[in-house]
N, C-alpha and C. Protein backbone atom coordinates (compact mmCIF):
# COMPACT_ATOMS: atom_id res chain seq x y z
N MET A 1 19.81 145.85 127.43
CA MET A 1 20.46 144.58 127.21
C MET A 1 20.46 144.30 125.69
N THR A 2 21.62 144.04 125.14
CA THR A 2 21.77 143.80 123.72
C THR A 2 21.64 142.31 123.41
N ASN A 3 20.90 142.03 122.35
CA ASN A 3 20.75 140.64 121.92
C ASN A 3 21.88 140.27 120.96
N LYS A 4 22.32 139.04 121.08
CA LYS A 4 23.34 138.48 120.18
C LYS A 4 22.61 137.76 119.04
N TRP A 5 23.36 137.39 118.01
CA TRP A 5 22.77 136.73 116.85
C TRP A 5 22.05 135.44 117.24
N TYR A 6 22.59 134.70 118.22
CA TYR A 6 21.99 133.42 118.59
C TYR A 6 20.66 133.59 119.32
N HIS A 7 20.39 134.77 119.88
CA HIS A 7 19.08 135.01 120.47
C HIS A 7 18.01 135.04 119.38
N TYR A 8 18.35 135.59 118.23
CA TYR A 8 17.41 135.64 117.12
C TYR A 8 17.20 134.25 116.52
N VAL A 9 18.27 133.47 116.45
CA VAL A 9 18.15 132.08 115.97
C VAL A 9 17.26 131.29 116.92
N ALA A 10 17.44 131.49 118.22
CA ALA A 10 16.61 130.79 119.21
C ALA A 10 15.15 131.21 119.09
N ALA A 11 14.88 132.49 118.82
CA ALA A 11 13.51 132.96 118.66
C ALA A 11 12.86 132.33 117.43
N PHE A 12 13.62 132.24 116.34
CA PHE A 12 13.11 131.60 115.12
C PHE A 12 12.82 130.12 115.38
N ALA A 13 13.75 129.43 116.04
CA ALA A 13 13.56 128.01 116.35
C ALA A 13 12.39 127.81 117.31
N ALA A 14 12.22 128.71 118.27
CA ALA A 14 11.09 128.63 119.19
C ALA A 14 9.78 128.71 118.41
N ALA A 15 9.74 129.60 117.43
CA ALA A 15 8.54 129.74 116.60
C ALA A 15 8.26 128.44 115.85
N LEU A 16 9.30 127.79 115.36
CA LEU A 16 9.12 126.52 114.64
C LEU A 16 8.44 125.48 115.53
N PHE A 17 8.98 125.30 116.73
CA PHE A 17 8.45 124.28 117.62
C PHE A 17 7.07 124.66 118.17
N LEU A 18 6.87 125.91 118.51
CA LEU A 18 5.58 126.32 119.04
C LEU A 18 4.48 126.22 117.99
N THR A 19 4.79 126.55 116.75
CA THR A 19 3.80 126.42 115.68
C THR A 19 3.50 124.96 115.40
N ASN A 20 4.51 124.11 115.45
CA ASN A 20 4.31 122.68 115.22
C ASN A 20 3.49 122.04 116.34
N THR A 21 3.43 122.67 117.49
CA THR A 21 2.61 122.17 118.60
C THR A 21 1.14 122.14 118.21
N ILE A 22 0.69 123.15 117.50
CA ILE A 22 -0.74 123.36 117.27
C ILE A 22 -1.44 122.19 116.58
N PRO A 23 -0.99 121.74 115.39
CA PRO A 23 -1.75 120.66 114.74
C PRO A 23 -1.74 119.35 115.54
N HIS A 24 -0.62 119.05 116.17
CA HIS A 24 -0.54 117.80 116.93
C HIS A 24 -1.40 117.86 118.19
N PHE A 25 -1.43 119.00 118.84
CA PHE A 25 -2.26 119.18 120.02
C PHE A 25 -3.74 119.08 119.65
N VAL A 26 -4.14 119.78 118.60
CA VAL A 26 -5.55 119.78 118.18
C VAL A 26 -5.98 118.37 117.77
N LYS A 27 -5.19 117.71 116.96
CA LYS A 27 -5.55 116.35 116.54
C LYS A 27 -5.56 115.39 117.73
N GLY A 28 -4.63 115.58 118.65
CA GLY A 28 -4.57 114.71 119.83
C GLY A 28 -5.79 114.86 120.71
N ILE A 29 -6.19 116.11 121.00
CA ILE A 29 -7.36 116.29 121.88
C ILE A 29 -8.67 115.96 121.18
N CYS A 30 -8.66 115.98 119.86
CA CYS A 30 -9.86 115.59 119.10
C CYS A 30 -9.95 114.08 118.93
N GLY A 31 -8.89 113.37 119.29
CA GLY A 31 -8.90 111.92 119.17
C GLY A 31 -8.64 111.43 117.76
N ASP A 32 -8.05 112.28 116.93
CA ASP A 32 -7.79 111.91 115.53
C ASP A 32 -6.35 111.42 115.36
N ARG A 33 -6.18 110.55 114.38
CA ARG A 33 -4.85 110.10 114.01
C ARG A 33 -4.23 111.15 113.11
N PHE A 34 -2.92 111.35 113.23
CA PHE A 34 -2.24 112.40 112.48
C PHE A 34 -0.76 112.04 112.37
N PRO A 35 -0.08 112.44 111.29
CA PRO A 35 1.32 112.08 111.11
C PRO A 35 2.24 112.66 112.19
N THR A 36 3.18 111.86 112.64
CA THR A 36 4.26 112.30 113.53
C THR A 36 5.55 111.66 113.03
N PRO A 37 6.68 112.06 113.58
CA PRO A 37 7.95 111.42 113.21
C PRO A 37 8.03 109.95 113.65
N PHE A 38 7.09 109.52 114.50
CA PHE A 38 7.12 108.15 115.04
C PHE A 38 6.21 107.20 114.27
N ALA A 39 5.52 107.70 113.25
CA ALA A 39 4.62 106.87 112.45
C ALA A 39 5.44 106.03 111.48
N ASP A 40 4.76 105.12 110.80
CA ASP A 40 5.41 104.30 109.80
C ASP A 40 4.72 104.52 108.46
N PRO A 41 5.35 105.14 107.49
CA PRO A 41 6.68 105.74 107.49
C PRO A 41 6.68 107.08 108.26
N PRO A 42 7.83 107.45 108.83
CA PRO A 42 7.92 108.66 109.64
C PRO A 42 7.43 109.91 108.89
N GLY A 43 6.56 110.66 109.55
CA GLY A 43 6.06 111.90 108.98
C GLY A 43 4.99 111.73 107.92
N ARG A 44 4.71 110.49 107.54
CA ARG A 44 3.70 110.23 106.50
C ARG A 44 2.57 109.34 107.01
N GLY A 45 2.95 108.31 107.78
CA GLY A 45 1.93 107.44 108.35
C GLY A 45 1.19 108.17 109.48
N LEU A 46 0.12 107.58 109.95
CA LEU A 46 -0.69 108.23 110.98
C LEU A 46 -0.38 107.64 112.37
N SER A 47 -0.18 108.52 113.32
CA SER A 47 0.05 108.11 114.71
C SER A 47 -1.24 108.28 115.51
N ASP A 48 -1.35 107.54 116.59
CA ASP A 48 -2.54 107.61 117.44
C ASP A 48 -2.59 108.95 118.18
N PRO A 49 -3.76 109.31 118.72
CA PRO A 49 -3.91 110.59 119.41
C PRO A 49 -2.96 110.78 120.60
N LEU A 50 -2.67 109.73 121.35
CA LEU A 50 -1.76 109.85 122.49
C LEU A 50 -0.35 110.24 122.02
N THR A 51 0.12 109.61 120.96
CA THR A 51 1.43 109.96 120.41
C THR A 51 1.44 111.41 119.96
N ASN A 52 0.35 111.86 119.34
CA ASN A 52 0.27 113.26 118.92
C ASN A 52 0.30 114.21 120.11
N MET A 53 -0.37 113.86 121.19
CA MET A 53 -0.35 114.71 122.38
C MET A 53 1.06 114.76 122.97
N MET A 54 1.72 113.63 123.04
CA MET A 54 3.08 113.61 123.58
C MET A 54 4.02 114.44 122.70
N TRP A 55 3.87 114.33 121.38
CA TRP A 55 4.70 115.10 120.45
C TRP A 55 4.40 116.59 120.59
N ALA A 56 3.13 116.93 120.76
CA ALA A 56 2.74 118.33 120.95
C ALA A 56 3.36 118.88 122.24
N LEU A 57 3.30 118.13 123.31
CA LEU A 57 3.85 118.59 124.58
C LEU A 57 5.37 118.73 124.53
N PHE A 58 6.02 117.83 123.80
CA PHE A 58 7.46 117.95 123.61
C PHE A 58 7.80 119.23 122.84
N ASN A 59 7.06 119.48 121.75
CA ASN A 59 7.26 120.70 120.96
C ASN A 59 7.00 121.95 121.80
N LEU A 60 5.97 121.92 122.62
CA LEU A 60 5.63 123.05 123.48
C LEU A 60 6.75 123.32 124.48
N ALA A 61 7.24 122.27 125.12
CA ALA A 61 8.30 122.43 126.11
C ALA A 61 9.59 122.96 125.47
N LEU A 62 9.98 122.38 124.35
CA LEU A 62 11.19 122.83 123.68
C LEU A 62 11.04 124.26 123.16
N GLY A 63 9.87 124.57 122.62
CA GLY A 63 9.61 125.94 122.16
C GLY A 63 9.68 126.93 123.29
N TYR A 64 9.16 126.57 124.46
CA TYR A 64 9.21 127.45 125.63
C TYR A 64 10.66 127.69 126.07
N VAL A 65 11.43 126.62 126.13
CA VAL A 65 12.84 126.76 126.53
C VAL A 65 13.58 127.66 125.54
N LEU A 66 13.37 127.45 124.26
CA LEU A 66 14.04 128.28 123.25
C LEU A 66 13.58 129.74 123.32
N LEU A 67 12.31 129.94 123.63
CA LEU A 67 11.81 131.31 123.78
C LEU A 67 12.48 132.01 124.95
N ARG A 68 12.68 131.28 126.04
CA ARG A 68 13.38 131.85 127.20
C ARG A 68 14.85 132.13 126.86
N VAL A 69 15.49 131.21 126.15
CA VAL A 69 16.89 131.40 125.76
C VAL A 69 17.03 132.63 124.85
N SER A 70 16.03 132.85 124.01
CA SER A 70 16.09 133.97 123.06
C SER A 70 15.93 135.33 123.73
N ARG A 71 15.47 135.33 124.96
CA ARG A 71 15.14 136.58 125.66
C ARG A 71 14.12 137.38 124.87
N PHE A 72 13.14 136.67 124.34
CA PHE A 72 12.11 137.25 123.47
C PHE A 72 11.34 138.37 124.17
N SER A 73 11.08 139.42 123.39
CA SER A 73 10.24 140.51 123.84
C SER A 73 9.53 141.11 122.63
N TRP A 74 8.23 141.35 122.77
CA TRP A 74 7.49 142.01 121.70
C TRP A 74 7.97 143.44 121.51
N ARG A 75 8.63 143.99 122.49
CA ARG A 75 9.14 145.37 122.40
C ARG A 75 10.36 145.47 121.48
N ASP A 76 11.03 144.35 121.25
CA ASP A 76 12.16 144.31 120.32
C ASP A 76 11.58 143.98 118.94
N THR A 77 11.47 145.00 118.10
CA THR A 77 10.81 144.84 116.80
C THR A 77 11.49 143.79 115.93
N VAL A 78 12.79 143.79 115.90
CA VAL A 78 13.51 142.80 115.08
C VAL A 78 13.24 141.39 115.60
N MET A 79 13.26 141.23 116.91
CA MET A 79 13.00 139.92 117.51
C MET A 79 11.57 139.46 117.17
N ALA A 80 10.61 140.36 117.27
CA ALA A 80 9.22 140.03 116.97
C ALA A 80 9.06 139.63 115.50
N VAL A 81 9.73 140.35 114.61
CA VAL A 81 9.66 140.02 113.18
C VAL A 81 10.29 138.65 112.92
N VAL A 82 11.43 138.37 113.53
CA VAL A 82 12.09 137.07 113.36
C VAL A 82 11.18 135.95 113.86
N PHE A 83 10.55 136.16 115.02
CA PHE A 83 9.64 135.16 115.57
C PHE A 83 8.45 134.93 114.63
N LEU A 84 7.84 136.02 114.15
CA LEU A 84 6.68 135.90 113.26
C LEU A 84 7.06 135.29 111.91
N LEU A 85 8.27 135.55 111.44
CA LEU A 85 8.74 134.88 110.22
C LEU A 85 8.86 133.38 110.45
N GLY A 86 9.31 132.98 111.64
CA GLY A 86 9.38 131.55 111.97
C GLY A 86 8.00 130.91 112.00
N VAL A 87 7.02 131.62 112.55
CA VAL A 87 5.64 131.13 112.57
C VAL A 87 5.12 130.98 111.15
N ALA A 88 5.33 132.02 110.31
CA ALA A 88 4.85 131.98 108.92
C ALA A 88 5.53 130.87 108.14
N PHE A 89 6.85 130.74 108.28
CA PHE A 89 7.60 129.70 107.58
C PHE A 89 7.07 128.32 107.96
N THR A 90 6.91 128.08 109.24
CA THR A 90 6.45 126.77 109.70
C THR A 90 5.02 126.50 109.26
N GLY A 91 4.17 127.50 109.37
CA GLY A 91 2.78 127.33 108.94
C GLY A 91 2.68 126.98 107.46
N LEU A 92 3.43 127.68 106.63
CA LEU A 92 3.41 127.39 105.19
C LEU A 92 3.99 126.01 104.89
N MET A 93 5.08 125.68 105.57
CA MET A 93 5.71 124.37 105.36
C MET A 93 4.78 123.23 105.78
N LEU A 94 4.16 123.37 106.96
CA LEU A 94 3.27 122.32 107.45
C LEU A 94 2.02 122.19 106.59
N SER A 95 1.51 123.33 106.10
CA SER A 95 0.29 123.27 105.29
C SER A 95 0.51 122.48 104.01
N THR A 96 1.70 122.59 103.43
CA THR A 96 1.97 121.82 102.22
C THR A 96 2.34 120.38 102.55
N HIS A 97 3.05 120.18 103.66
CA HIS A 97 3.45 118.83 104.03
C HIS A 97 2.25 117.95 104.42
N PHE A 98 1.32 118.52 105.16
CA PHE A 98 0.18 117.74 105.65
C PHE A 98 -1.02 117.75 104.71
N ALA A 99 -0.93 118.43 103.59
CA ALA A 99 -2.06 118.49 102.66
C ALA A 99 -2.42 117.08 102.18
N GLY A 100 -3.67 116.70 102.40
CA GLY A 100 -4.17 115.41 101.93
C GLY A 100 -3.67 114.23 102.71
N LYS A 101 -3.06 114.42 103.88
CA LYS A 101 -2.52 113.29 104.62
C LYS A 101 -3.48 112.72 105.67
N THR A 102 -4.55 113.44 105.97
CA THR A 102 -5.46 112.96 107.01
C THR A 102 -6.84 112.70 106.43
N PRO A 103 -7.53 111.71 106.96
CA PRO A 103 -8.89 111.44 106.51
C PRO A 103 -9.84 112.55 106.95
N VAL A 104 -10.87 112.78 106.16
CA VAL A 104 -11.85 113.82 106.48
C VAL A 104 -12.84 113.35 107.50
């Protein structure tokens, strides 16, 4: 089965959402406040743990759907590289965006 260009885009997007799940899920289950798009100001203010859990679950669900749409397989080397590039891109972006935004 041959993958089309949009399968690779879906795999990259899936990586974005699945990687973004991690900090919100961890902060939510730890009971910590953390920035979400629903905070004031969006993405900078701190949201409560429940909001973070809901945002994490939304990201997880959307990432899963996109992963299914992409027809992802670790056996497809190009697909795996595209997915891992999405994880790396998101991780680097989030690490700079969230630097210094949460209390210790």
